[in-house]
Each structure stands twice: as structure tokens, then as C-alpha cells.
Amino acid sequence: MISSESQAKRKATYPADHQPGMKVPEGGSNCSKCEYLKDRSKGLCGNKYFVKWNGSDKIPGDINSYCSDWFESA
């Protein structure tokens, strides 16, 4: 296990085309499988960090083929 002090010193790196939220292939991790999905019929997310980044709680895509960095399996 990595100590929290060691983790704090590391910085995440992402590919140039990475977005904090983006369209993903169906079948993998996606909003429909996430613990933060607060309203399936309206496509609303309850994660405060996603809402801050996105500017609203409305998921900007099909919940079966959209995912964000804040995904947590339900």
C-alpha cells in the first residue's frame, strides 16, 4: 500500500485528449452504473465535483455511454 504522504507528492497524468467527462463505449463503466446517478429518467448526477466541473447536474450524454473521472460503481 502506498502511504498518503507518497500519494500526495504524485501528480496524475492523462493523455492529451482526456476530458474529465466523456463518451465511452457501452458496456464498461458509465453513469448508469454509478452510485452518483441521482435520477435515471432525467440523467442527473449527484456528485458535487462533477456538477462543479460540468456546470450543472445534467449528464451531457446518454447515461449508458458517458462516464466521468468521478465514477464510483453502485
Protein backbone atom coordinates (compact mmCIF):
# COMPACT_ATOMS: atom_id res chain seq x y z
CA MET A 1 0.00 0.00 0.00
CA ILE A 2 1.23 3.48 -0.85
CA SER A 3 1.44 5.93 2.04
CA SER A 4 -0.76 9.01 1.89
CA GLU A 5 2.38 11.18 2.04
CA SER A 6 3.76 9.42 -1.05
CA GLN A 7 0.41 9.77 -2.85
CA ALA A 8 0.25 13.49 -2.09
CA LYS A 9 3.57 14.05 -3.88
CA ARG A 10 2.46 12.34 -7.11
CA LYS A 11 0.60 14.14 -9.87
CA ALA A 12 -1.86 12.44 -12.17
CA THR A 13 -1.07 12.43 -15.88
CA TYR A 14 -3.59 11.99 -18.66
CA PRO A 15 -3.48 11.61 -22.46
CA ALA A 16 -3.80 14.87 -24.42
CA ASP A 17 -7.36 14.04 -25.50
CA HIS A 18 -8.56 13.21 -21.96
CA GLN A 19 -11.60 15.05 -20.60
CA PRO A 20 -12.91 14.72 -17.02
CA GLY A 21 -16.18 13.53 -18.52
CA MET A 22 -16.61 11.95 -21.94
CA LYS A 23 -18.42 9.50 -24.21
CA VAL A 24 -17.30 5.92 -23.56
CA PRO A 25 -18.04 2.58 -25.23
CA GLU A 26 -21.23 0.94 -23.95
CA GLY A 27 -20.73 -1.98 -21.59
CA GLY A 28 -17.93 -0.61 -19.40
CA SER A 29 -18.08 1.94 -16.61
CA ASN A 30 -20.77 4.53 -17.27
CA CYS A 31 -23.23 6.79 -15.47
CA SER A 32 -26.00 4.19 -15.45
CA LYS A 33 -23.80 2.01 -13.20
CA CYS A 34 -22.59 4.82 -10.93
CA GLU A 35 -23.55 5.38 -7.30
CA TYR A 36 -23.91 9.12 -8.00
CA LEU A 37 -26.69 8.74 -10.59
CA LYS A 38 -29.49 10.54 -8.75
CA ASP A 39 -32.25 10.48 -11.36
CA ARG A 40 -32.10 7.87 -14.13
CA SER A 41 -35.04 9.23 -16.15
CA LYS A 42 -33.67 12.80 -16.15
CA GLY A 43 -29.98 11.83 -16.41
CA LEU A 44 -28.87 13.72 -13.32
CA CYS A 45 -25.63 13.28 -11.37
CA GLY A 46 -25.32 13.83 -7.63
CA ASN A 47 -21.54 14.12 -7.40
CA LYS A 48 -20.62 17.67 -6.31
CA TYR A 49 -17.27 17.59 -8.13
CA PHE A 50 -18.85 16.52 -11.42
CA VAL A 51 -21.54 19.19 -11.03
CA LYS A 52 -18.88 21.85 -10.39
CA TRP A 53 -16.86 20.78 -13.44
CA ASN A 54 -19.91 20.34 -15.70
CA GLY A 55 -21.75 23.48 -14.55
CA SER A 56 -24.96 21.54 -13.79
CA ASP A 57 -26.14 18.16 -12.57
CA LYS A 58 -27.41 17.19 -16.06
CA ILE A 59 -25.25 14.45 -17.58
CA PRO A 60 -24.33 15.70 -21.09
CA GLY A 61 -24.92 12.42 -22.90
CA ASP A 62 -26.59 9.04 -22.81
CA ILE A 63 -26.07 7.61 -19.31
CA ASN A 64 -25.18 4.23 -20.86
CA SER A 65 -22.29 5.68 -22.85
CA TYR A 66 -20.98 8.60 -20.76
CA CYS A 67 -18.61 8.48 -17.80
CA SER A 68 -16.57 10.89 -15.70
CA ASP A 69 -13.47 10.74 -13.55
CA TRP A 70 -15.78 10.74 -10.51
CA PHE A 71 -17.36 7.35 -11.37
CA GLU A 72 -17.95 5.02 -8.41
CA SER A 73 -19.60 1.67 -9.00
CA ALA A 74 -23.08 1.44 -7.49
